[in-house]
C-alpha atoms as a PDB file:
ATOM      1  CA  MET A   1      -0.016  -0.035   0.049  1.00  0.00           C
ATOM      2  CA  VAL A   2       1.512   3.314  -1.197  1.00  0.00           C
ATOM      3  CA  LEU A   3      -0.569   6.629  -0.241  1.00  0.00           C
ATOM      4  CA  ASP A   4       0.224  10.226  -0.534  1.00  0.00           C
ATOM      5  CA  GLU A   5      -0.316  12.595   2.483  1.00  0.00           C
ATOM      6  CA  ASN A   6      -3.513  13.895   0.868  1.00  0.00           C
ATOM      7  CA  GLU A   7      -4.828  10.319   0.625  1.00  0.00           C
ATOM      8  CA  ARG A   8      -3.847   9.366   4.130  1.00  0.00           C
ATOM      9  CA  GLN A   9      -5.665  12.563   5.512  1.00  0.00           C
ATOM     10  CA  ALA A  10      -8.587  11.888   3.285  1.00  0.00           C
ATOM     11  CA  LEU A  11      -8.808   8.319   4.441  1.00  0.00           C
ATOM     12  CA  SER A  12      -8.392   9.403   7.926  1.00  0.00           C
ATOM     13  CA  GLU A  13     -11.274  12.047   7.840  1.00  0.00           C
ATOM     14  CA  TYR A  14     -13.590   9.350   6.288  1.00  0.00           C
ATOM     15  CA  GLU A  15     -12.964   7.099   8.956  1.00  0.00           C
ATOM     16  CA  ASP A  16     -13.317   9.644  11.661  1.00  0.00           C
ATOM     17  CA  PHE A  17     -16.662  10.861   9.751  1.00  0.00           C
ATOM     18  CA  LEU A  18     -18.249   7.153   9.539  1.00  0.00           C
ATOM     19  CA  LEU A  19     -17.407   6.223  12.909  1.00  0.00           C
ATOM     20  CA  ARG A  20     -18.861   9.521  14.431  1.00  0.00           C
ATOM     21  CA  ARG A  21     -21.937   9.174  12.242  1.00  0.00           C
ATOM     22  CA  PHE A  22     -22.603   5.348  12.384  1.00  0.00           C
ATOM     23  CA  PRO A  23     -20.962   4.231  15.361  1.00  0.00           C
ATOM     24  CA  GLN A  24     -23.211   1.190  15.740  1.00  0.00           C
ATOM     25  CA  GLN A  25     -23.128   0.239  12.095  1.00  0.00           C
ATOM     26  CA  VAL A  26     -19.711   0.094  11.022  1.00  0.00           C
ATOM     27  CA  GLU A  27     -18.229  -3.225  10.994  1.00  0.00           C
ATOM     28  CA  ARG A  28     -15.104  -2.758   8.754  1.00  0.00           C
ATOM     29  CA  LEU A  29     -13.431  -0.522   6.379  1.00  0.00           C
ATOM     30  CA  ILE A  30     -10.979  -2.100   3.848  1.00  0.00           C
ATOM     31  CA  LEU A  31      -8.824  -0.210   1.212  1.00  0.00           C
ATOM     32  CA  PHE A  32      -8.924  -2.273  -1.629  1.00  0.00           C
ATOM     33  CA  GLY A  33      -7.897  -1.999  -5.612  1.00  0.00           C
ATOM     34  CA  SER A  34      -4.792  -0.274  -7.074  1.00  0.00           C
ATOM     35  CA  LYS A  35      -4.185   1.717  -3.853  1.00  0.00           C
ATOM     36  CA  ALA A  36      -4.209  -1.278  -1.687  1.00  0.00           C
ATOM     37  CA  ARG A  37      -1.830  -3.374  -4.367  1.00  0.00           C
ATOM     38  CA  GLY A  38       0.596  -0.175  -4.796  1.00  0.00           C
ATOM     39  CA  ASP A  39      -0.023   0.001  -8.710  1.00  0.00           C
ATOM     40  CA  SER A  40      -1.978   2.924  -8.760  1.00  0.00           C
ATOM     41  CA  VAL A  41      -1.771   5.841 -11.156  1.00  0.00           C
ATOM     42  CA  ALA A  42      -2.348   9.470 -10.946  1.00  0.00           C
ATOM     43  CA  SER A  43      -5.976   9.149 -12.053  1.00  0.00           C
ATOM     44  CA  SER A  44      -6.918   6.039  -9.961  1.00  0.00           C
ATOM     45  CA  ASP A  45      -9.510   6.260  -7.643  1.00  0.00           C
ATOM     46  CA  THR A  46      -9.438   5.357  -3.852  1.00  0.00           C
ATOM     47  CA  ASP A  47     -11.748   2.240  -3.299  1.00  0.00           C
ATOM     48  CA  VAL A  48     -13.078   1.752   0.103  1.00  0.00           C
ATOM     49  CA  LEU A  49     -15.144  -1.367   1.174  1.00  0.00           C
ATOM     50  CA  VAL A  50     -17.248  -0.107   3.962  1.00  0.00           C
ATOM     51  CA  VAL A  51     -18.954  -3.041   5.684  1.00  0.00           C
ATOM     52  CA  LEU A  52     -22.186  -2.407   7.776  1.00  0.00           C
ATOM     53  CA  ARG A  53     -23.492  -4.427  10.496  1.00  0.00           C
ATOM     54  CA  LYS A  54     -27.044  -3.947   8.835  1.00  0.00           C
ATOM     55  CA  ARG A  55     -27.908  -7.484   7.046  1.00  0.00           C
ATOM     56  CA  THR A  56     -29.379  -7.059   3.710  1.00  0.00           C
ATOM     57  CA  GLU A  57     -31.613  -9.466   1.569  1.00  0.00           C
ATOM     58  CA  PRO A  58     -30.751  -9.838  -2.059  1.00  0.00           C
ATOM     59  CA  THR A  59     -33.467  -9.325  -4.758  1.00  0.00           C
ATOM     60  CA  LYS A  60     -35.196 -12.114  -6.583  1.00  0.00           C
ATOM     61  CA  GLU A  61     -32.258 -11.123  -9.263  1.00  0.00           C
ATOM     62  CA  GLY A  62     -29.473 -11.674  -6.787  1.00  0.00           C
ATOM     63  CA  PHE A  63     -28.735  -7.923  -6.164  1.00  0.00           C
ATOM     64  CA  TYR A  64     -28.259  -6.470  -2.652  1.00  0.00           C
ATOM     65  CA  PRO A  65     -30.390  -3.289  -2.441  1.00  0.00           C
ATOM     66  CA  PHE A  66     -28.042  -0.799  -1.008  1.00  0.00           C
ATOM     67  CA  GLY A  67     -28.325   2.383  -3.540  1.00  0.00           C
ATOM     68  CA  SER A  68     -29.540   5.798  -3.896  1.00  0.00           C
ATOM     69  CA  ALA A  69     -32.638   5.173  -1.854  1.00  0.00           C
ATOM     70  CA  ASP A  70     -30.935   4.151   1.406  1.00  0.00           C
ATOM     71  CA  PRO A  71     -30.298   7.224   3.772  1.00  0.00           C
ATOM     72  CA  THR A  72     -27.039   5.641   5.322  1.00  0.00           C
ATOM     73  CA  TRP A  73     -25.811   4.766   1.590  1.00  0.00           C
ATOM     74  CA  ARG A  74     -26.593   8.565   0.597  1.00  0.00           C
ATOM     75  CA  ALA A  75     -24.659   9.679   3.753  1.00  0.00           C
ATOM     76  CA  ILE A  76     -21.730   7.556   3.212  1.00  0.00           C
ATOM     77  CA  VAL A  77     -21.391   8.155  -0.460  1.00  0.00           C
ATOM     78  CA  GLY A  78     -22.263  11.789  -0.659  1.00  0.00           C
ATOM     79  CA  THR A  79     -19.596  12.926   2.191  1.00  0.00           C
ATOM     80  CA  THR A  80     -16.788  11.644  -0.067  1.00  0.00           C
ATOM     81  CA  PHE A  81     -17.536  14.769  -2.423  1.00  0.00           C
ATOM     82  CA  ASP A  82     -16.355  17.058   0.278  1.00  0.00           C
ATOM     83  CA  LEU A  83     -13.145  14.974   0.712  1.00  0.00           C
ATOM     84  CA  LEU A  84     -12.774  15.239  -3.069  1.00  0.00           C
ATOM     85  CA  MET A  85     -12.930  18.890  -2.996  1.00  0.00           C
ATOM     86  CA  LYS A  86     -10.828  19.346  -0.117  1.00  0.00           C
ATOM     87  CA  TYR A  87      -7.823  16.600  -0.688  1.00  0.00           C
ATOM     88  CA  ASN A  88      -8.354  16.118  -4.228  1.00  0.00           C
ATOM     89  CA  VAL A  89      -8.877  12.344  -3.426  1.00  0.00           C
ATOM     90  CA  ASN A  90     -11.582  10.436  -5.181  1.00  0.00           C
ATOM     91  CA  ILE A  91     -12.761   7.903  -2.557  1.00  0.00           C
ATOM     92  CA  SER A  92     -14.984   5.404  -4.254  1.00  0.00           C
ATOM     93  CA  PRO A  93     -16.871   3.470  -1.348  1.00  0.00           C
ATOM     94  CA  THR A  94     -18.518   0.098  -1.857  1.00  0.00           C
ATOM     95  CA  VAL A  95     -21.400  -0.140   0.660  1.00  0.00           C
ATOM     96  CA  ILE A  96     -22.392  -3.691   1.789  1.00  0.00           C
ATOM     97  CA  GLY A  97     -24.084  -5.482   4.663  1.00  0.00           C
ATOM     98  CA  ILE A  98     -22.046  -7.839   6.851  1.00  0.00           C
ATOM     99  CA  ASN A  99     -23.940 -11.057   5.283  1.00  0.00           C
ATOM    100  CA  GLU A 100     -22.558  -9.858   1.785  1.00  0.00           C
ATOM    101  CA  TYR A 101     -19.126  -9.702   3.147  1.00  0.00           C
ATOM    102  CA  GLU A 102     -19.157 -13.189   4.606  1.00  0.00           C
ATOM    103  CA  GLU A 103     -20.327 -14.530   1.171  1.00  0.00           C
ATOM    104  CA  HIS A 104     -17.686 -16.333  -0.933  1.00  0.00           C
ATOM    105  CA  SER A 105     -18.394 -14.062  -3.886  1.00  0.00           C
ATOM    106  CA  PRO A 106     -15.255 -13.662  -6.332  1.00  0.00           C
ATOM    107  CA  LEU A 107     -15.249  -9.687  -5.313  1.00  0.00           C
ATOM    108  CA  MET A 108     -15.064 -10.431  -1.670  1.00  0.00           C
ATOM    109  CA  THR A 109     -12.625 -13.197  -2.014  1.00  0.00           C
ATOM    110  CA  HIS A 110     -10.429 -10.585  -4.013  1.00  0.00           C
ATOM    111  CA  ILE A 111     -10.788  -7.888  -1.259  1.00  0.00           C
ATOM    112  CA  LYS A 112     -10.210 -10.413   1.761  1.00  0.00           C
ATOM    113  CA  LYS A 113      -6.983 -11.465  -0.240  1.00  0.00           C
ATOM    114  CA  GLU A 114      -5.844  -8.067  -1.481  1.00  0.00           C
ATOM    115  CA  GLY A 115      -7.372  -5.755   0.621  1.00  0.00           C
ATOM    116  CA  VAL A 116      -5.926  -3.520   3.592  1.00  0.00           C
ATOM    117  CA  GLU A 117      -8.034  -3.410   6.725  1.00  0.00           C
ATOM    118  CA  LEU A 118      -8.206   0.333   7.858  1.00  0.00           C
ATOM    119  CA  TRP A 119     -10.659  -0.131  10.588  1.00  0.00           C
ATOM    120  CA  LYS A 120     -12.354  -3.220  12.248  1.00  0.00           C
ATOM    121  CA  ARG A 121     -14.905  -3.396  14.979  1.00  0.00           C
ATOM    122  CA  LEU A 122     -13.454  -5.322  17.879  1.00  0.00           C
ATOM    123  CA  SER A 123     -16.184  -7.745  18.817  1.00  0.00           C
END
């Protein structure tokens, strides 16, 4: 993992915001993608997996319903714009429920293998 000072500050402020705003909901924050692997380029975004305690049920098509209709999702995603303006760091959150994190999907397998834990709830 190679982050510059602006990226470290933006991620720290993002973590602080999430833990202050959703203290009983956030289970894990994991950096993944090119920033975690250390092969990012100047235009790379900063991928962060936000795992919430909230359990979600998939739709009949097999998708999970987090999205713009969910106020928690809107707050988690919306605050990244302020950080982009302040630090010029494009944080790209992926918001999931704990049950989705515990599944054995290709994305979760990849994140668990290459991701860098930024924060984890201690039991």
